[in-house]
All heavy atoms as atom14 arrays in JSON, in Angstrom:
{
  "sequence": "ILSGNMRPNLGNFAEPPEWKEVLKHFRGN",
  "atom14_mask": [
    [1, 1, 1, 1, 1, 1, 1, 1, 0, 0, 0, 0, 0, 0],
    [1, 1, 1, 1, 1, 1, 1, 1, 0, 0, 0, 0, 0, 0],
    [1, 1, 1, 1, 1, 1, 0, 0, 0, 0, 0, 0, 0, 0],
    [1, 1, 1, 1, 0, 0, 0, 0, 0, 0, 0, 0, 0, 0],
    [1, 1, 1, 1, 1, 1, 1, 1, 0, 0, 0, 0, 0, 0],
    [1, 1, 1, 1, 1, 1, 1, 1, 0, 0, 0, 0, 0, 0],
    [1, 1, 1, 1, 1, 1, 1, 1, 1, 1, 1, 0, 0, 0],
    [1, 1, 1, 1, 1, 1, 1, 0, 0, 0, 0, 0, 0, 0],
    [1, 1, 1, 1, 1, 1, 1, 1, 0, 0, 0, 0, 0, 0],
    [1, 1, 1, 1, 1, 1, 1, 1, 0, 0, 0, 0, 0, 0],
    [1, 1, 1, 1, 0, 0, 0, 0, 0, 0, 0, 0, 0, 0],
    [1, 1, 1, 1, 1, 1, 1, 1, 0, 0, 0, 0, 0, 0],
    [1, 1, 1, 1, 1, 1, 1, 1, 1, 1, 1, 0, 0, 0],
    [1, 1, 1, 1, 1, 0, 0, 0, 0, 0, 0, 0, 0, 0],
    [1, 1, 1, 1, 1, 1, 1, 1, 1, 0, 0, 0, 0, 0],
    [1, 1, 1, 1, 1, 1, 1, 0, 0, 0, 0, 0, 0, 0],
    [1, 1, 1, 1, 1, 1, 1, 0, 0, 0, 0, 0, 0, 0],
    [1, 1, 1, 1, 1, 1, 1, 1, 1, 0, 0, 0, 0, 0],
    [1, 1, 1, 1, 1, 1, 1, 1, 1, 1, 1, 1, 1, 1],
    [1, 1, 1, 1, 1, 1, 1, 1, 1, 0, 0, 0, 0, 0],
    [1, 1, 1, 1, 1, 1, 1, 1, 1, 0, 0, 0, 0, 0],
    [1, 1, 1, 1, 1, 1, 1, 0, 0, 0, 0, 0, 0, 0],
    [1, 1, 1, 1, 1, 1, 1, 1, 0, 0, 0, 0, 0, 0],
    [1, 1, 1, 1, 1, 1, 1, 1, 1, 0, 0, 0, 0, 0],
    [1, 1, 1, 1, 1, 1, 1, 1, 1, 1, 0, 0, 0, 0],
    [1, 1, 1, 1, 1, 1, 1, 1, 1, 1, 1, 0, 0, 0],
    [1, 1, 1, 1, 1, 1, 1, 1, 1, 1, 1, 0, 0, 0],
    [1, 1, 1, 1, 0, 0, 0, 0, 0, 0, 0, 0, 0, 0],
    [1, 1, 1, 1, 1, 1, 1, 1, 0, 0, 0, 0, 0, 0]
  ],
  "atom14_positions": [
    [[165.36, 44.59, 78.34], [165.29, 43.45, 79.27], [166.21, 43.45, 80.3], [165.99, 43.33, 81.38], [165.21, 42.12, 78.45], [163.96, 41.99, 77.56], [165.35, 40.93, 79.33], [163.93, 40.91, 76.56], [0.0, 0.0, 0.0], [0.0, 0.0, 0.0], [0.0, 0.0, 0.0], [0.0, 0.0, 0.0], [0.0, 0.0, 0.0], [0.0, 0.0, 0.0]],
    [[167.53, 43.68, 79.85], [168.67, 43.59, 80.82], [168.64, 44.77, 81.81], [169.23, 44.65, 82.85], [170.02, 43.6, 80.04], [170.33, 42.32, 79.27], [171.5, 42.58, 78.4], [170.39, 41.17, 80.15], [0.0, 0.0, 0.0], [0.0, 0.0, 0.0], [0.0, 0.0, 0.0], [0.0, 0.0, 0.0], [0.0, 0.0, 0.0], [0.0, 0.0, 0.0]],
    [[168.01, 45.86, 81.41], [167.93, 46.97, 82.3], [166.77, 46.94, 83.3], [166.61, 47.72, 84.21], [167.88, 48.37, 81.51], [166.58, 48.35, 80.78], [0.0, 0.0, 0.0], [0.0, 0.0, 0.0], [0.0, 0.0, 0.0], [0.0, 0.0, 0.0], [0.0, 0.0, 0.0], [0.0, 0.0, 0.0], [0.0, 0.0, 0.0], [0.0, 0.0, 0.0]],
    [[165.92, 45.93, 83.08], [164.81, 45.76, 83.92], [163.56, 46.55, 83.58], [162.52, 46.53, 84.25], [0.0, 0.0, 0.0], [0.0, 0.0, 0.0], [0.0, 0.0, 0.0], [0.0, 0.0, 0.0], [0.0, 0.0, 0.0], [0.0, 0.0, 0.0], [0.0, 0.0, 0.0], [0.0, 0.0, 0.0], [0.0, 0.0, 0.0], [0.0, 0.0, 0.0]],
    [[163.63, 47.22, 82.37], [162.49, 48.01, 81.94], [161.45, 47.19, 81.21], [160.42, 47.69, 81.01], [163.02, 49.16, 81.0], [163.8, 50.17, 81.79], [163.61, 50.4, 82.93], [164.8, 50.74, 81.12], [0.0, 0.0, 0.0], [0.0, 0.0, 0.0], [0.0, 0.0, 0.0], [0.0, 0.0, 0.0], [0.0, 0.0, 0.0], [0.0, 0.0, 0.0]],
    [[161.75, 45.94, 80.91], [160.86, 45.01, 80.24], [161.18, 43.6, 80.76], [162.35, 43.19, 80.84], [161.04, 45.14, 78.74], [160.09, 44.36, 77.95], [159.96, 44.72, 76.22], [161.63, 44.29, 75.59], [0.0, 0.0, 0.0], [0.0, 0.0, 0.0], [0.0, 0.0, 0.0], [0.0, 0.0, 0.0], [0.0, 0.0, 0.0], [0.0, 0.0, 0.0]],
    [[160.1, 42.96, 81.03], [160.29, 41.54, 81.49], [160.24, 40.69, 80.21], [159.25, 40.75, 79.4], [159.16, 41.11, 82.49], [159.42, 39.73, 83.05], [158.27, 39.42, 84.11], [157.0, 39.44, 83.6], [155.99, 40.11, 84.09], [156.13, 40.88, 85.18], [154.79, 40.06, 83.51], [0.0, 0.0, 0.0], [0.0, 0.0, 0.0], [0.0, 0.0, 0.0]],
    [[161.1, 39.74, 80.08], [161.09, 38.85, 78.84], [159.81, 37.92, 79.0], [159.52, 37.41, 80.01], [162.42, 38.04, 78.96], [162.74, 38.12, 80.35], [162.29, 39.41, 80.95], [0.0, 0.0, 0.0], [0.0, 0.0, 0.0], [0.0, 0.0, 0.0], [0.0, 0.0, 0.0], [0.0, 0.0, 0.0], [0.0, 0.0, 0.0], [0.0, 0.0, 0.0]],
    [[159.17, 37.72, 77.9], [157.95, 36.87, 77.87], [158.29, 35.51, 77.38], [157.32, 34.66, 77.26], [156.8, 37.53, 77.09], [157.06, 37.68, 75.64], [157.99, 37.03, 75.05], [156.42, 38.56, 74.99], [0.0, 0.0, 0.0], [0.0, 0.0, 0.0], [0.0, 0.0, 0.0], [0.0, 0.0, 0.0], [0.0, 0.0, 0.0], [0.0, 0.0, 0.0]],
    [[159.46, 35.13, 77.14], [159.88, 33.81, 76.68], [159.09, 33.33, 75.58], [158.88, 32.07, 75.4], [159.8, 32.8, 77.87], [160.56, 33.25, 79.15], [160.43, 32.29, 80.35], [162.04, 33.55, 78.9], [0.0, 0.0, 0.0], [0.0, 0.0, 0.0], [0.0, 0.0, 0.0], [0.0, 0.0, 0.0], [0.0, 0.0, 0.0], [0.0, 0.0, 0.0]],
    [[158.7, 34.18, 74.73], [157.88, 33.78, 73.49], [156.43, 33.79, 73.68], [155.64, 33.66, 72.84], [0.0, 0.0, 0.0], [0.0, 0.0, 0.0], [0.0, 0.0, 0.0], [0.0, 0.0, 0.0], [0.0, 0.0, 0.0], [0.0, 0.0, 0.0], [0.0, 0.0, 0.0], [0.0, 0.0, 0.0], [0.0, 0.0, 0.0], [0.0, 0.0, 0.0]],
    [[155.94, 33.87, 74.9], [154.53, 33.84, 75.3], [153.97, 35.17, 75.48], [153.89, 35.73, 76.57], [154.33, 32.92, 76.56], [152.89, 32.74, 76.84], [151.97, 33.21, 76.18], [152.59, 31.86, 77.77], [0.0, 0.0, 0.0], [0.0, 0.0, 0.0], [0.0, 0.0, 0.0], [0.0, 0.0, 0.0], [0.0, 0.0, 0.0], [0.0, 0.0, 0.0]],
    [[153.62, 35.86, 74.29], [153.14, 37.26, 74.36], [151.79, 37.33, 74.86], [151.31, 38.38, 75.34], [153.27, 37.85, 72.97], [152.69, 37.07, 71.84], [151.36, 37.38, 71.53], [153.35, 36.13, 71.21], [150.67, 36.59, 70.56], [152.73, 35.39, 70.17], [151.38, 35.64, 69.85], [0.0, 0.0, 0.0], [0.0, 0.0, 0.0], [0.0, 0.0, 0.0]],
    [[150.99, 36.25, 74.72], [149.55, 36.31, 75.16], [149.44, 36.3, 76.7], [148.56, 37.04, 77.24], [148.79, 35.1, 74.56], [0.0, 0.0, 0.0], [0.0, 0.0, 0.0], [0.0, 0.0, 0.0], [0.0, 0.0, 0.0], [0.0, 0.0, 0.0], [0.0, 0.0, 0.0], [0.0, 0.0, 0.0], [0.0, 0.0, 0.0], [0.0, 0.0, 0.0]],
    [[150.22, 35.49, 77.33], [150.22, 35.36, 78.75], [151.69, 35.3, 79.25], [152.24, 34.26, 79.6], [149.52, 34.07, 79.28], [148.01, 34.09, 78.92], [147.39, 32.71, 79.3], [147.73, 32.17, 80.41], [146.63, 32.2, 78.68], [0.0, 0.0, 0.0], [0.0, 0.0, 0.0], [0.0, 0.0, 0.0], [0.0, 0.0, 0.0], [0.0, 0.0, 0.0]],
    [[152.25, 36.54, 79.33], [153.67, 36.66, 79.82], [153.92, 36.04, 81.1], [153.11, 36.2, 82.06], [153.94, 38.06, 79.8], [152.84, 38.77, 79.05], [151.65, 37.9, 79.15], [0.0, 0.0, 0.0], [0.0, 0.0, 0.0], [0.0, 0.0, 0.0], [0.0, 0.0, 0.0], [0.0, 0.0, 0.0], [0.0, 0.0, 0.0], [0.0, 0.0, 0.0]],
    [[155.02, 35.32, 81.23], [155.32, 34.65, 82.6], [155.74, 35.74, 83.62], [156.22, 36.81, 83.27], [156.48, 33.75, 82.27], [157.16, 34.41, 81.11], [156.02, 35.03, 80.28], [0.0, 0.0, 0.0], [0.0, 0.0, 0.0], [0.0, 0.0, 0.0], [0.0, 0.0, 0.0], [0.0, 0.0, 0.0], [0.0, 0.0, 0.0], [0.0, 0.0, 0.0]],
    [[155.59, 35.48, 84.88], [156.08, 36.24, 85.94], [157.59, 36.13, 86.04], [158.2, 35.13, 85.58], [155.36, 35.92, 87.32], [153.85, 36.17, 87.29], [153.55, 37.64, 87.08], [154.29, 38.49, 87.68], [152.64, 38.01, 86.34], [0.0, 0.0, 0.0], [0.0, 0.0, 0.0], [0.0, 0.0, 0.0], [0.0, 0.0, 0.0], [0.0, 0.0, 0.0]],
    [[158.19, 36.9, 86.87], [159.63, 36.84, 87.12], [160.13, 35.47, 87.61], [161.13, 34.99, 87.31], [160.13, 37.91, 88.05], [160.42, 39.23, 87.24], [159.73, 40.39, 87.3], [161.5, 39.4, 86.32], [160.43, 41.37, 86.44], [161.46, 40.69, 85.81], [162.56, 38.57, 85.74], [162.34, 41.31, 84.87], [163.37, 39.08, 84.85], [163.31, 40.44, 84.36]],
    [[159.28, 34.91, 88.43], [159.62, 33.54, 89.03], [159.8, 32.59, 87.91], [160.83, 31.78, 87.93], [158.48, 33.1, 89.96], [158.79, 31.84, 90.76], [157.67, 31.54, 91.71], [157.99, 30.3, 92.48], [156.89, 30.05, 93.45], [0.0, 0.0, 0.0], [0.0, 0.0, 0.0], [0.0, 0.0, 0.0], [0.0, 0.0, 0.0], [0.0, 0.0, 0.0]],
    [[158.94, 32.52, 86.93], [159.04, 31.6, 85.76], [160.28, 31.96, 84.82], [160.94, 31.1, 84.33], [157.8, 31.69, 84.98], [156.56, 31.08, 85.64], [155.3, 31.2, 84.79], [155.3, 30.63, 83.74], [154.42, 31.96, 85.24], [0.0, 0.0, 0.0], [0.0, 0.0, 0.0], [0.0, 0.0, 0.0], [0.0, 0.0, 0.0], [0.0, 0.0, 0.0]],
    [[160.52, 33.24, 84.75], [161.67, 33.71, 83.92], [162.97, 33.26, 84.6], [163.86, 32.68, 83.91], [161.65, 35.24, 83.83], [162.96, 35.76, 83.19], [160.46, 35.75, 83.06], [0.0, 0.0, 0.0], [0.0, 0.0, 0.0], [0.0, 0.0, 0.0], [0.0, 0.0, 0.0], [0.0, 0.0, 0.0], [0.0, 0.0, 0.0], [0.0, 0.0, 0.0]],
    [[163.05, 33.39, 85.88], [164.22, 32.99, 86.6], [164.44, 31.48, 86.44], [165.54, 30.96, 86.34], [164.22, 33.36, 88.11], [164.3, 34.86, 88.44], [164.03, 35.17, 89.83], [165.65, 35.44, 87.97], [0.0, 0.0, 0.0], [0.0, 0.0, 0.0], [0.0, 0.0, 0.0], [0.0, 0.0, 0.0], [0.0, 0.0, 0.0], [0.0, 0.0, 0.0]],
    [[163.3, 30.73, 86.55], [163.42, 29.22, 86.41], [163.82, 28.92, 84.93], [164.64, 27.88, 84.75], [161.97, 28.68, 86.63], [162.02, 27.14, 86.57], [160.55, 26.66, 87.0], [160.52, 25.16, 86.91], [159.16, 24.67, 87.17], [0.0, 0.0, 0.0], [0.0, 0.0, 0.0], [0.0, 0.0, 0.0], [0.0, 0.0, 0.0], [0.0, 0.0, 0.0]],
    [[163.44, 29.63, 84.02], [163.87, 29.54, 82.58], [165.36, 29.51, 82.45], [166.04, 28.82, 81.68], [163.1, 30.44, 81.71], [163.6, 30.36, 80.27], [163.16, 29.4, 79.4], [164.46, 31.1, 79.51], [163.77, 29.56, 78.19], [164.49, 30.63, 78.26], [0.0, 0.0, 0.0], [0.0, 0.0, 0.0], [0.0, 0.0, 0.0], [0.0, 0.0, 0.0]],
    [[165.97, 30.52, 83.08], [167.39, 30.75, 82.99], [168.15, 30.1, 84.11], [169.36, 30.27, 84.33], [167.67, 32.33, 83.12], [167.19, 33.08, 81.91], [166.11, 33.87, 81.91], [167.89, 32.85, 80.59], [165.72, 34.65, 80.84], [167.41, 33.57, 79.49], [166.38, 34.45, 79.6], [0.0, 0.0, 0.0], [0.0, 0.0, 0.0], [0.0, 0.0, 0.0]],
    [[167.58, 29.08, 84.74], [168.25, 28.4, 85.79], [169.54, 27.69, 85.29], [169.58, 27.16, 84.28], [167.43, 27.26, 86.41], [167.89, 26.6, 87.61], [167.09, 25.47, 88.19], [165.88, 25.29, 87.37], [164.69, 24.82, 87.91], [164.66, 24.64, 89.17], [163.68, 24.65, 87.09], [0.0, 0.0, 0.0], [0.0, 0.0, 0.0], [0.0, 0.0, 0.0]],
    [[170.59, 27.86, 86.08], [171.9, 27.25, 85.7], [172.72, 28.06, 84.75], [173.84, 27.68, 84.28], [0.0, 0.0, 0.0], [0.0, 0.0, 0.0], [0.0, 0.0, 0.0], [0.0, 0.0, 0.0], [0.0, 0.0, 0.0], [0.0, 0.0, 0.0], [0.0, 0.0, 0.0], [0.0, 0.0, 0.0], [0.0, 0.0, 0.0], [0.0, 0.0, 0.0]],
    [[172.11, 29.3, 84.41], [172.75, 30.15, 83.55], [173.25, 31.44, 84.25], [172.61, 31.81, 85.19], [171.67, 30.55, 82.39], [172.22, 31.36, 81.24], [172.91, 32.36, 81.47], [171.77, 30.99, 80.09], [0.0, 0.0, 0.0], [0.0, 0.0, 0.0], [0.0, 0.0, 0.0], [0.0, 0.0, 0.0], [0.0, 0.0, 0.0], [0.0, 0.0, 0.0]]
  ]
}
């Protein structure tokens, strides 16, 4: 994930979120 070889799915393996949603999840971090 940290190397960019895999996008984190935030637990939603059926419909993985796009990078925009991932960035929103980590907002303020």
